[in-house]
Protein backbone atom coordinates (compact mmCIF):
# COMPACT_ATOMS: atom_id res chain seq x y z
CA MET A 1 -90.23 -14.81 64.28
CA THR A 2 -86.75 -14.73 65.76
CA ALA A 3 -84.68 -11.56 65.84
CA LEU A 4 -83.18 -10.53 62.52
CA PRO A 5 -79.41 -10.38 62.02
CA ARG A 6 -77.95 -6.98 62.86
CA LEU A 7 -76.21 -4.97 60.16
CA GLY A 8 -72.96 -3.13 60.64
CA ALA A 9 -72.56 0.57 59.89
CA LEU A 10 -70.97 0.03 56.45
CA VAL A 11 -73.75 -2.11 54.94
CA PRO A 12 -75.87 -0.15 52.40
CA ARG A 13 -79.41 0.44 53.68
CA ARG A 14 -82.72 1.58 52.22
CA GLY A 15 -83.58 3.66 55.28
CA SER A 16 -87.31 2.92 55.19
CA ALA A 17 -89.10 2.00 58.41
CA ALA A 18 -92.24 1.20 56.42
CA ALA A 19 -90.37 -1.23 54.15
CA ARG A 20 -88.74 -2.88 57.19
CA ALA A 21 -92.14 -3.33 58.81
CA LEU A 22 -93.67 -4.71 55.60
CA GLY A 23 -90.80 -7.15 55.07
CA GLY A 24 -91.02 -8.36 58.67
CA LEU A 25 -94.79 -8.81 58.36
CA VAL A 26 -94.47 -10.85 55.16
CA LEU A 27 -91.83 -13.10 56.75
CA ARG A 28 -94.07 -13.64 59.80
CA LEU A 29 -97.15 -14.36 57.67
CA MET A 30 -95.17 -16.86 55.59
CA ASP A 31 -93.62 -18.33 58.79
CA TRP A 32 -90.04 -17.72 57.62
CA ARG A 33 -87.06 -16.66 59.69
CA VAL A 34 -83.69 -15.17 58.79
CA GLU A 35 -80.46 -16.29 60.45
CA GLY A 36 -76.76 -15.67 60.02
CA GLU A 37 -74.52 -12.71 59.42
CA VAL A 38 -73.94 -10.01 56.87
CA PRO A 39 -70.33 -8.80 56.67
CA ASP A 40 -69.86 -5.18 57.71
CA VAL A 41 -68.54 -4.06 54.34
CA PRO A 42 -70.04 -1.61 51.83
CA LYS A 43 -69.82 -3.92 48.79
CA PHE A 44 -70.51 -7.62 48.34
CA VAL A 45 -72.24 -10.22 46.20
CA ILE A 46 -74.99 -12.44 47.66
CA ALA A 47 -75.32 -15.86 46.00
CA VAL A 48 -78.87 -17.08 46.69
CA ALA A 49 -79.72 -20.78 46.18
CA PRO A 50 -81.38 -23.07 45.53
CA HIS A 51 -83.60 -21.21 43.08
CA THR A 52 -86.52 -23.55 42.43
CA SER A 53 -89.68 -21.45 42.67
CA ASN A 54 -91.16 -18.00 42.07
CA TRP A 55 -91.74 -17.92 45.85
CA ASP A 56 -87.96 -17.52 46.25
CA PHE A 57 -88.34 -13.94 45.04
CA VAL A 58 -91.07 -13.22 47.60
CA VAL A 59 -88.98 -14.61 50.48
CA GLY A 60 -85.87 -12.78 49.22
CA ALA A 61 -87.68 -9.45 48.78
CA ALA A 62 -89.28 -9.73 52.23
CA THR A 63 -85.84 -10.43 53.71
CA MET A 64 -84.29 -7.50 51.82
CA PHE A 65 -86.94 -5.14 53.19
CA ALA A 66 -86.96 -6.59 56.73
CA LEU A 67 -83.16 -6.22 56.98
CA ASP A 68 -83.32 -2.77 55.34
CA LEU A 69 -80.78 -3.82 52.71
CA ARG A 70 -80.30 -1.59 49.68
CA LEU A 71 -79.39 -4.13 47.07
CA SER A 72 -79.62 -4.83 43.38
CA PHE A 73 -80.59 -8.11 41.80
CA ILE A 74 -80.38 -9.55 38.33
CA GLY A 75 -83.52 -10.90 36.66
CA LYS A 76 -84.42 -12.07 33.18
CA HIS A 77 -85.52 -9.17 31.02
CA THR A 78 -88.92 -10.68 30.25
CA LEU A 79 -89.98 -10.05 33.87
CA PHE A 80 -89.48 -6.30 33.46
CA ARG A 81 -92.74 -5.50 31.70
CA TRP A 82 -95.63 -3.28 32.56
CA PRO A 83 -97.14 -3.16 35.17
CA VAL A 84 -94.34 -4.59 37.35
CA ALA A 85 -91.26 -3.16 35.60
CA GLY A 86 -91.23 0.07 37.62
CA VAL A 87 -91.65 -1.75 40.92
CA LEU A 88 -88.88 -4.24 40.12
CA GLN A 89 -86.49 -1.44 39.15
CA TRP A 90 -87.39 0.55 42.30
CA MET A 91 -86.59 -2.58 44.31
CA GLY A 92 -83.16 -2.77 42.65
CA GLY A 93 -83.89 -5.05 39.72
CA ILE A 94 -81.57 -5.11 36.72
CA PRO A 95 -83.04 -6.73 33.58
CA VAL A 96 -80.68 -9.06 31.73
CA ASN A 97 -81.21 -10.78 28.39
CA ARG A 98 -79.62 -14.16 29.05
CA SER A 99 -79.83 -15.25 25.40
CA ALA A 100 -77.24 -12.69 24.31
CA SER A 101 -73.57 -12.43 25.22
CA HIS A 102 -73.08 -8.86 26.35
CA GLY A 103 -70.23 -8.58 28.84
CA LEU A 104 -72.38 -8.62 31.97
CA VAL A 105 -69.49 -9.57 34.24
CA GLY A 106 -67.30 -6.69 33.03
CA GLU A 107 -70.17 -4.20 33.19
CA THR A 108 -71.03 -5.30 36.72
CA VAL A 109 -67.42 -5.04 37.89
CA LYS A 110 -67.34 -1.46 36.52
CA ALA A 111 -70.62 -0.72 38.30
CA PHE A 112 -69.10 -1.86 41.61
CA ALA A 113 -66.11 0.45 41.04
CA SER A 114 -68.34 3.45 40.31
CA VAL A 115 -70.15 3.55 43.68
CA ASP A 116 -69.27 3.64 47.36
CA GLY A 117 -71.73 0.92 48.33
CA ARG A 118 -73.37 -1.93 46.44
CA ILE A 119 -74.91 -5.27 47.27
CA LEU A 120 -75.69 -7.50 44.30
CA ALA A 121 -77.91 -10.57 44.75
CA ILE A 122 -77.59 -13.32 42.15
CA ALA A 123 -79.12 -16.78 41.82
CA PRO A 124 -76.06 -18.72 40.58
CA GLN A 125 -78.26 -21.36 38.93
CA GLY A 126 -79.77 -18.65 36.74
CA THR A 127 -82.99 -20.63 36.37
CA ARG A 128 -85.62 -22.42 38.41
CA LYS A 129 -85.16 -25.69 36.49
CA ARG A 130 -84.51 -28.69 38.71
CA GLY A 131 -80.90 -29.83 38.74
CA ALA A 132 -79.57 -26.66 37.08
CA ARG A 133 -75.80 -26.32 37.34
CA PHE A 134 -74.35 -23.30 39.05
CA ARG A 135 -72.79 -20.68 36.82
CA SER A 136 -69.54 -18.97 37.78
CA GLY A 137 -70.45 -15.39 36.81
CA PHE A 138 -71.06 -14.32 40.42
CA LEU A 139 -67.55 -15.47 41.36
CA HIS A 140 -66.00 -13.61 38.43
CA ILE A 141 -67.90 -10.47 39.41
CA ALA A 142 -66.77 -10.72 43.05
CA ARG A 143 -63.14 -11.42 42.03
CA GLY A 144 -63.09 -8.57 39.52
CA ALA A 145 -64.64 -6.13 42.00
CA ASN A 146 -62.51 -7.47 44.88
CA VAL A 147 -65.57 -7.99 47.08
CA PRO A 148 -66.69 -10.93 49.22
CA VAL A 149 -69.42 -13.41 48.37
CA VAL A 150 -72.12 -14.12 50.96
CA LEU A 151 -73.92 -17.43 50.53
CA ALA A 152 -77.66 -17.21 51.23
CA SER A 153 -79.59 -20.46 51.40
CA LEU A 154 -83.36 -20.69 50.94
CA ASP A 155 -84.19 -23.76 53.04
CA TYR A 156 -87.86 -24.63 52.60
CA ALA A 157 -87.54 -27.65 54.92
CA SER A 158 -86.86 -25.37 57.91
CA ARG A 159 -88.41 -22.20 56.39
CA CYS A 160 -85.19 -20.33 57.03
CA LEU A 161 -83.12 -18.00 54.88
CA ARG A 162 -79.55 -18.39 56.17
CA LEU A 163 -76.93 -15.74 55.45
CA GLY A 164 -73.34 -16.92 55.47
CA PRO A 165 -70.73 -18.00 55.29
CA SER A 166 -68.94 -15.28 53.38
CA PHE A 167 -65.59 -15.56 51.60
CA MET A 168 -63.27 -13.81 49.20
CA PRO A 169 -63.13 -15.86 45.99
CA GLY A 170 -59.72 -17.20 45.08
CA GLU A 171 -58.04 -17.63 41.72
CA ASP A 172 -59.34 -21.15 41.11
CA VAL A 173 -62.92 -20.32 40.12
CA ASP A 174 -63.78 -23.93 39.28
CA ALA A 175 -62.72 -25.10 42.75
CA GLU A 176 -64.64 -22.23 44.38
CA LEU A 177 -67.74 -23.09 42.35
CA ALA A 178 -67.50 -26.74 43.41
CA ARG A 179 -67.31 -25.65 47.08
CA VAL A 180 -70.34 -23.38 46.66
CA GLU A 181 -72.35 -26.16 44.98
CA ALA A 182 -71.37 -28.56 47.78
CA PHE A 183 -72.50 -26.02 50.40
CA PHE A 184 -75.96 -25.76 48.82
CA ALA A 185 -76.29 -29.50 48.01
CA THR A 186 -78.18 -30.34 51.22
CA VAL A 187 -80.44 -27.27 51.21
CA LYS A 188 -84.04 -28.14 50.35
CA GLY A 189 -85.58 -25.79 47.80
CA LYS A 190 -89.33 -25.54 47.33
CA LYS A 191 -89.11 -28.00 44.43
CA SER A 192 -86.23 -30.28 45.37
């Protein structure tokens, strides 16, 4: 496995050598590598795509641990059941009922404002279904919290999770969303 990207001093960390070692081991065993850059800021949103398989979570979690990132992620509420609910929440999981409108964007923006450091990982497609359109919630969250978005591609063709580029979302959310979808268009998911 190649060297992992270095994190700047402002990036929130877990601070666990054991978790770093475990994450690195899982990436090596799965023959995945991590490339790119993480901005040296205390708050940002990571948009992870394409989301086509349950294996995406394994690769993402291994990367989170290997890089020592302290992040939160949004997952459908039905995943947060015994016996895995406690583990998912310890990892940073936030259960969300996607069938109900409940002001998630506003709540998440408030959550960013209430802490000194936060990384939020979101799969913009919101589902593993093939051909799913990207949703704009991650852009609205980043705009409302005034934080950058880091694009993270899960490329199964090269077995590489690439971090970057990062950008501050502008006012034209539809145009930003189109650029994000175009960026991920050539990335091969597990089920492309």
